[in-house]
Amino acid sequence: MKVQCILCDKIEVINQDSIIAKRLRNRPIHTYMCEECTNRVTEKAQERLAKRKNGDDSTSEEW
C-alpha cells in the first residue's frame, strides 16, 4: 500500500496487512507520518514537556 507523509510529502510503501494500513483504510481521517517526521515530532514534544516539567516554560511567565 502506498502512503504519503502529511509533513514532508514523502511517498512510502507499507505492508498492506499492517495495523497502520488497516487504520488508514477503515478510518480515512487518520493520517500517516513517515518514521523521520514521527521521530522529529516526538523529540520536540519530549523537549517541550521536559521544559514544562522543570518549570522552564516560557509561555507561563507572569506579566
PDB file of N, CA and C in Angstrom:
ATOM      1  N   MET A   1       0.859  -1.165   0.000  1.00  0.00           N
ATOM      2  CA  MET A   1       0.000   0.000   0.000  1.00  0.00           C
ATOM      3  C   MET A   1       0.905   1.227   0.000  1.00  0.00           C
ATOM      4  N   LYS A   2       0.643   2.162  -0.907  1.00  0.00           N
ATOM      5  CA  LYS A   2       1.402   3.400  -0.956  1.00  0.00           C
ATOM      6  C   LYS A   2       0.754   4.421  -0.043  1.00  0.00           C
ATOM      7  N   VAL A   3       1.585   5.104   0.731  1.00  0.00           N
ATOM      8  CA  VAL A   3       1.109   6.148   1.637  1.00  0.00           C
ATOM      9  C   VAL A   3       2.014   7.363   1.485  1.00  0.00           C
ATOM     10  N   GLN A   4       1.465   8.528   1.833  1.00  0.00           N
ATOM     11  CA  GLN A   4       2.215   9.763   1.725  1.00  0.00           C
ATOM     12  C   GLN A   4       2.247  10.461   3.080  1.00  0.00           C
ATOM     13  N   CYS A   5       3.422  10.870   3.490  1.00  0.00           N
ATOM     14  CA  CYS A   5       3.593  11.564   4.766  1.00  0.00           C
ATOM     15  C   CYS A   5       2.916  12.932   4.680  1.00  0.00           C
ATOM     16  N   ILE A   6       2.206  13.298   5.747  1.00  0.00           N
ATOM     17  CA  ILE A   6       1.484  14.569   5.718  1.00  0.00           C
ATOM     18  C   ILE A   6       2.406  15.761   5.935  1.00  0.00           C
ATOM     19  N   LEU A   7       3.602  15.543   6.464  1.00  0.00           N
ATOM     20  CA  LEU A   7       4.513  16.657   6.728  1.00  0.00           C
ATOM     21  C   LEU A   7       5.513  16.895   5.607  1.00  0.00           C
ATOM     22  N   CYS A   8       6.141  15.841   5.123  1.00  0.00           N
ATOM     23  CA  CYS A   8       7.203  16.024   4.126  1.00  0.00           C
ATOM     24  C   CYS A   8       6.803  15.553   2.722  1.00  0.00           C
ATOM     25  N   ASP A   9       5.610  15.021   2.558  1.00  0.00           N
ATOM     26  CA  ASP A   9       5.091  14.537   1.268  1.00  0.00           C
ATOM     27  C   ASP A   9       5.905  13.392   0.666  1.00  0.00           C
ATOM     28  N   LYS A  10       6.657  12.702   1.498  1.00  0.00           N
ATOM     29  CA  LYS A  10       7.436  11.550   1.056  1.00  0.00           C
ATOM     30  C   LYS A  10       6.490  10.366   0.870  1.00  0.00           C
ATOM     31  N   ILE A  11       6.629   9.668  -0.243  1.00  0.00           N
ATOM     32  CA  ILE A  11       5.779   8.513  -0.532  1.00  0.00           C
ATOM     33  C   ILE A  11       6.530   7.241  -0.134  1.00  0.00           C
ATOM     34  N   GLU A  12       5.864   6.400   0.649  1.00  0.00           N
ATOM     35  CA  GLU A  12       6.442   5.139   1.108  1.00  0.00           C
ATOM     36  C   GLU A  12       5.471   4.006   0.817  1.00  0.00           C
ATOM     37  N   VAL A  13       6.007   2.811   0.827  1.00  0.00           N
ATOM     38  CA  VAL A  13       5.199   1.610   0.655  1.00  0.00           C
ATOM     39  C   VAL A  13       5.188   0.879   1.992  1.00  0.00           C
ATOM     40  N   ILE A  14       3.989   0.601   2.504  1.00  0.00           N
ATOM     41  CA  ILE A  14       3.869  -0.148   3.756  1.00  0.00           C
ATOM     42  C   ILE A  14       3.153  -1.455   3.471  1.00  0.00           C
ATOM     43  N   ASN A  15       3.324  -2.411   4.344  1.00  0.00           N
ATOM     44  CA  ASN A  15       2.687  -3.712   4.217  1.00  0.00           C
ATOM     45  C   ASN A  15       1.171  -3.529   4.305  1.00  0.00           C
ATOM     46  N   GLN A  16       0.457  -4.063   3.346  1.00  0.00           N
ATOM     47  CA  GLN A  16      -0.991  -3.903   3.284  1.00  0.00           C
ATOM     48  C   GLN A  16      -1.694  -4.582   4.460  1.00  0.00           C
ATOM     49  N   ASP A  17      -1.051  -5.541   5.086  1.00  0.00           N
ATOM     50  CA  ASP A  17      -1.655  -6.264   6.202  1.00  0.00           C
ATOM     51  C   ASP A  17      -1.283  -5.681   7.566  1.00  0.00           C
ATOM     52  N   SER A  18      -0.543  -4.559   7.578  1.00  0.00           N
ATOM     53  CA  SER A  18      -0.114  -3.981   8.853  1.00  0.00           C
ATOM     54  C   SER A  18      -1.273  -3.237   9.525  1.00  0.00           C
ATOM     55  N   ILE A  19      -1.095  -2.998  10.806  1.00  0.00           N
ATOM     56  CA  ILE A  19      -2.112  -2.274  11.580  1.00  0.00           C
ATOM     57  C   ILE A  19      -2.292  -0.858  11.043  1.00  0.00           C
ATOM     58  N   ILE A  20      -1.187  -0.215  10.671  1.00  0.00           N
ATOM     59  CA  ILE A  20      -1.266   1.164  10.147  1.00  0.00           C
ATOM     60  C   ILE A  20      -2.096   1.198   8.869  1.00  0.00           C
ATOM     61  N   ALA A  21      -1.860   0.241   7.973  1.00  0.00           N
ATOM     62  CA  ALA A  21      -2.611   0.188   6.721  1.00  0.00           C
ATOM     63  C   ALA A  21      -4.099  -0.034   6.990  1.00  0.00           C
ATOM     64  N   LYS A  22      -4.394  -0.892   7.932  1.00  0.00           N
ATOM     65  CA  LYS A  22      -5.793  -1.167   8.266  1.00  0.00           C
ATOM     66  C   LYS A  22      -6.474   0.088   8.803  1.00  0.00           C
ATOM     67  N   ARG A  23      -5.786   0.825   9.680  1.00  0.00           N
ATOM     68  CA  ARG A  23      -6.360   2.060  10.225  1.00  0.00           C
ATOM     69  C   ARG A  23      -6.604   3.095   9.137  1.00  0.00           C
ATOM     70  N   LEU A  24      -5.653   3.198   8.213  1.00  0.00           N
ATOM     71  CA  LEU A  24      -5.805   4.172   7.128  1.00  0.00           C
ATOM     72  C   LEU A  24      -6.967   3.804   6.201  1.00  0.00           C
ATOM     73  N   ARG A  25      -7.157   2.518   5.961  1.00  0.00           N
ATOM     74  CA  ARG A  25      -8.270   2.077   5.100  1.00  0.00           C
ATOM     75  C   ARG A  25      -9.614   2.271   5.770  1.00  0.00           C
ATOM     76  N   ASN A  26      -9.718   1.910   7.039  1.00  0.00           N
ATOM     77  CA  ASN A  26     -11.003   1.905   7.725  1.00  0.00           C
ATOM     78  C   ASN A  26     -11.413   3.263   8.277  1.00  0.00           C
ATOM     79  N   ARG A  27     -10.448   4.109   8.551  1.00  0.00           N
ATOM     80  CA  ARG A  27     -10.748   5.432   9.098  1.00  0.00           C
ATOM     81  C   ARG A  27      -9.991   6.477   8.298  1.00  0.00           C
ATOM     82  N   PRO A  28     -10.604   7.028   7.284  1.00  0.00           N
ATOM     83  CA  PRO A  28      -9.906   7.965   6.392  1.00  0.00           C
ATOM     84  C   PRO A  28      -9.396   9.223   7.095  1.00  0.00           C
ATOM     85  N   ILE A  29      -9.921   9.547   8.263  1.00  0.00           N
ATOM     86  CA  ILE A  29      -9.473  10.736   8.981  1.00  0.00           C
ATOM     87  C   ILE A  29      -8.052  10.556   9.519  1.00  0.00           C
ATOM     88  N   HIS A  30      -7.619   9.303   9.706  1.00  0.00           N
ATOM     89  CA  HIS A  30      -6.264   9.035  10.193  1.00  0.00           C
ATOM     90  C   HIS A  30      -5.264   9.420   9.121  1.00  0.00           C
ATOM     91  N   THR A  31      -4.131   9.944   9.552  1.00  0.00           N
ATOM     92  CA  THR A  31      -3.102  10.368   8.612  1.00  0.00           C
ATOM     93  C   THR A  31      -1.823   9.590   8.873  1.00  0.00           C
ATOM     94  N   TYR A  32      -0.908   9.626   7.915  1.00  0.00           N
ATOM     95  CA  TYR A  32       0.335   8.877   8.001  1.00  0.00           C
ATOM     96  C   TYR A  32       1.512   9.839   8.109  1.00  0.00           C
ATOM     97  N   MET A  33       2.443   9.541   9.008  1.00  0.00           N
ATOM     98  CA  MET A  33       3.706  10.268   9.101  1.00  0.00           C
ATOM     99  C   MET A  33       4.837   9.260   8.961  1.00  0.00           C
ATOM    100  N   CYS A  34       5.830   9.613   8.151  1.00  0.00           N
ATOM    101  CA  CYS A  34       6.982   8.723   7.973  1.00  0.00           C
ATOM    102  C   CYS A  34       7.774   8.659   9.275  1.00  0.00           C
ATOM    103  N   GLU A  35       8.693   7.724   9.337  1.00  0.00           N
ATOM    104  CA  GLU A  35       9.474   7.494  10.556  1.00  0.00           C
ATOM    105  C   GLU A  35      10.300   8.723  10.936  1.00  0.00           C
ATOM    106  N   GLU A  36      10.902   9.392   9.942  1.00  0.00           N
ATOM    107  CA  GLU A  36      11.702  10.590  10.214  1.00  0.00           C
ATOM    108  C   GLU A  36      10.862  11.682  10.869  1.00  0.00           C
ATOM    109  N   CYS A  37       9.708  11.959  10.308  1.00  0.00           N
ATOM    110  CA  CYS A  37       8.840  13.005  10.841  1.00  0.00           C
ATOM    111  C   CYS A  37       8.290  12.620  12.210  1.00  0.00           C
ATOM    112  N   THR A  38       7.957  11.357  12.382  1.00  0.00           N
ATOM    113  CA  THR A  38       7.473  10.890  13.675  1.00  0.00           C
ATOM    114  C   THR A  38       8.529  11.100  14.751  1.00  0.00           C
ATOM    115  N   ASN A  39       9.776  10.752  14.441  1.00  0.00           N
ATOM    116  CA  ASN A  39      10.864  10.935  15.399  1.00  0.00           C
ATOM    117  C   ASN A  39      11.105  12.411  15.695  1.00  0.00           C
ATOM    118  N   ARG A  40      11.060  13.240  14.658  1.00  0.00           N
ATOM    119  CA  ARG A  40      11.290  14.675  14.842  1.00  0.00           C
ATOM    120  C   ARG A  40      10.215  15.293  15.728  1.00  0.00           C
ATOM    121  N   VAL A  41       8.963  14.955  15.477  1.00  0.00           N
ATOM    122  CA  VAL A  41       7.861  15.481  16.274  1.00  0.00           C
ATOM    123  C   VAL A  41       7.938  14.977  17.713  1.00  0.00           C
ATOM    124  N   THR A  42       8.282  13.706  17.878  1.00  0.00           N
ATOM    125  CA  THR A  42       8.395  13.116  19.216  1.00  0.00           C
ATOM    126  C   THR A  42       9.496  13.798  20.025  1.00  0.00           C
ATOM    127  N   GLU A  43      10.648  14.031  19.394  1.00  0.00           N
ATOM    128  CA  GLU A  43      11.755  14.699  20.085  1.00  0.00           C
ATOM    129  C   GLU A  43      11.349  16.098  20.548  1.00  0.00           C
ATOM    130  N   LYS A  44      10.728  16.861  19.664  1.00  0.00           N
ATOM    131  CA  LYS A  44      10.311  18.224  20.004  1.00  0.00           C
ATOM    132  C   LYS A  44       9.288  18.207  21.139  1.00  0.00           C
ATOM    133  N   ALA A  45       8.363  17.268  21.085  1.00  0.00           N
ATOM    134  CA  ALA A  45       7.335  17.181  22.122  1.00  0.00           C
ATOM    135  C   ALA A  45       7.956  16.814  23.465  1.00  0.00           C
ATOM    136  N   GLN A  46       8.906  15.885  23.461  1.00  0.00           N
ATOM    137  CA  GLN A  46       9.557  15.486  24.706  1.00  0.00           C
ATOM    138  C   GLN A  46      10.373  16.633  25.295  1.00  0.00           C
ATOM    139  N   GLU A  47      11.044  17.409  24.434  1.00  0.00           N
ATOM    140  CA  GLU A  47      11.782  18.574  24.911  1.00  0.00           C
ATOM    141  C   GLU A  47      10.836  19.585  25.543  1.00  0.00           C
ATOM    142  N   ARG A  48       9.722  19.831  24.886  1.00  0.00           N
ATOM    143  CA  ARG A  48       8.740  20.786  25.391  1.00  0.00           C
ATOM    144  C   ARG A  48       8.168  20.324  26.732  1.00  0.00           C
ATOM    145  N   LEU A  49       7.855  19.036  26.842  1.00  0.00           N
ATOM    146  CA  LEU A  49       7.322  18.506  28.092  1.00  0.00           C
ATOM    147  C   LEU A  49       8.360  18.539  29.210  1.00  0.00           C
ATOM    148  N   ALA A  50       9.617  18.282  28.874  1.00  0.00           N
ATOM    149  CA  ALA A  50      10.676  18.328  29.875  1.00  0.00           C
ATOM    150  C   ALA A  50      10.855  19.747  30.401  1.00  0.00           C
ATOM    151  N   LYS A  51      10.790  20.726  29.515  1.00  0.00           N
ATOM    152  CA  LYS A  51      10.893  22.126  29.946  1.00  0.00           C
ATOM    153  C   LYS A  51       9.740  22.486  30.857  1.00  0.00           C
ATOM    154  N   ARG A  52       8.554  22.060  30.475  1.00  0.00           N
ATOM    155  CA  ARG A  52       7.370  22.367  31.275  1.00  0.00           C
ATOM    156  C   ARG A  52       7.450  21.702  32.643  1.00  0.00           C
ATOM    157  N   LYS A  53       7.971  20.475  32.674  1.00  0.00           N
ATOM    158  CA  LYS A  53       8.079  19.732  33.924  1.00  0.00           C
ATOM    159  C   LYS A  53       9.108  20.381  34.859  1.00  0.00           C
ATOM    160  N   ASN A  54      10.177  20.927  34.273  1.00  0.00           N
ATOM    161  CA  ASN A  54      11.228  21.560  35.063  1.00  0.00           C
ATOM    162  C   ASN A  54      10.911  23.011  35.417  1.00  0.00           C
ATOM    163  N   GLY A  55       9.807  23.520  34.951  1.00  0.00           N
ATOM    164  CA  GLY A  55       9.434  24.891  35.256  1.00  0.00           C
ATOM    165  C   GLY A  55      10.091  25.908  34.355  1.00  0.00           C
ATOM    166  N   ASP A  56      10.669  25.476  33.249  1.00  0.00           N
ATOM    167  CA  ASP A  56      11.318  26.378  32.321  1.00  0.00           C
ATOM    168  C   ASP A  56      10.401  26.841  31.203  1.00  0.00           C
ATOM    169  N   ASP A  57       9.121  26.658  31.351  1.00  0.00           N
ATOM    170  CA  ASP A  57       8.158  27.003  30.304  1.00  0.00           C
ATOM    171  C   ASP A  57       8.067  28.517  30.166  1.00  0.00           C
ATOM    172  N   SER A  58       8.492  29.032  29.012  1.00  0.00           N
ATOM    173  CA  SER A  58       8.488  30.479  28.806  1.00  0.00           C
ATOM    174  C   SER A  58       7.087  31.033  28.568  1.00  0.00           C
ATOM    175  N   THR A  59       6.138  30.163  28.246  1.00  0.00           N
ATOM    176  CA  THR A  59       4.776  30.640  27.990  1.00  0.00           C
ATOM    177  C   THR A  59       4.017  30.896  29.279  1.00  0.00           C
ATOM    178  N   SER A  60       4.543  30.407  30.405  1.00  0.00           N
ATOM    179  CA  SER A  60       3.828  30.573  31.671  1.00  0.00           C
ATOM    180  C   SER A  60       4.389  31.741  32.496  1.00  0.00           C
ATOM    181  N   GLU A  61       5.111  32.636  31.850  1.00  0.00           N
ATOM    182  CA  GLU A  61       5.676  33.775  32.570  1.00  0.00           C
ATOM    183  C   GLU A  61       4.579  34.694  33.051  1.00  0.00           C
ATOM    184  N   GLU A  62       4.797  35.252  34.205  1.00  0.00           N
ATOM    185  CA  GLU A  62       3.838  36.194  34.780  1.00  0.00           C
ATOM    186  C   GLU A  62       4.014  37.545  34.117  1.00  0.00           C
ATOM    187  N   TRP A  63       2.954  38.246  33.906  1.00  0.00           N
ATOM    188  CA  TRP A  63       3.024  39.588  33.293  1.00  0.00           C
ATOM    189  C   TRP A  63       3.120  40.607  34.354  1.00  0.00           C
TER     190      TRP A  63
END
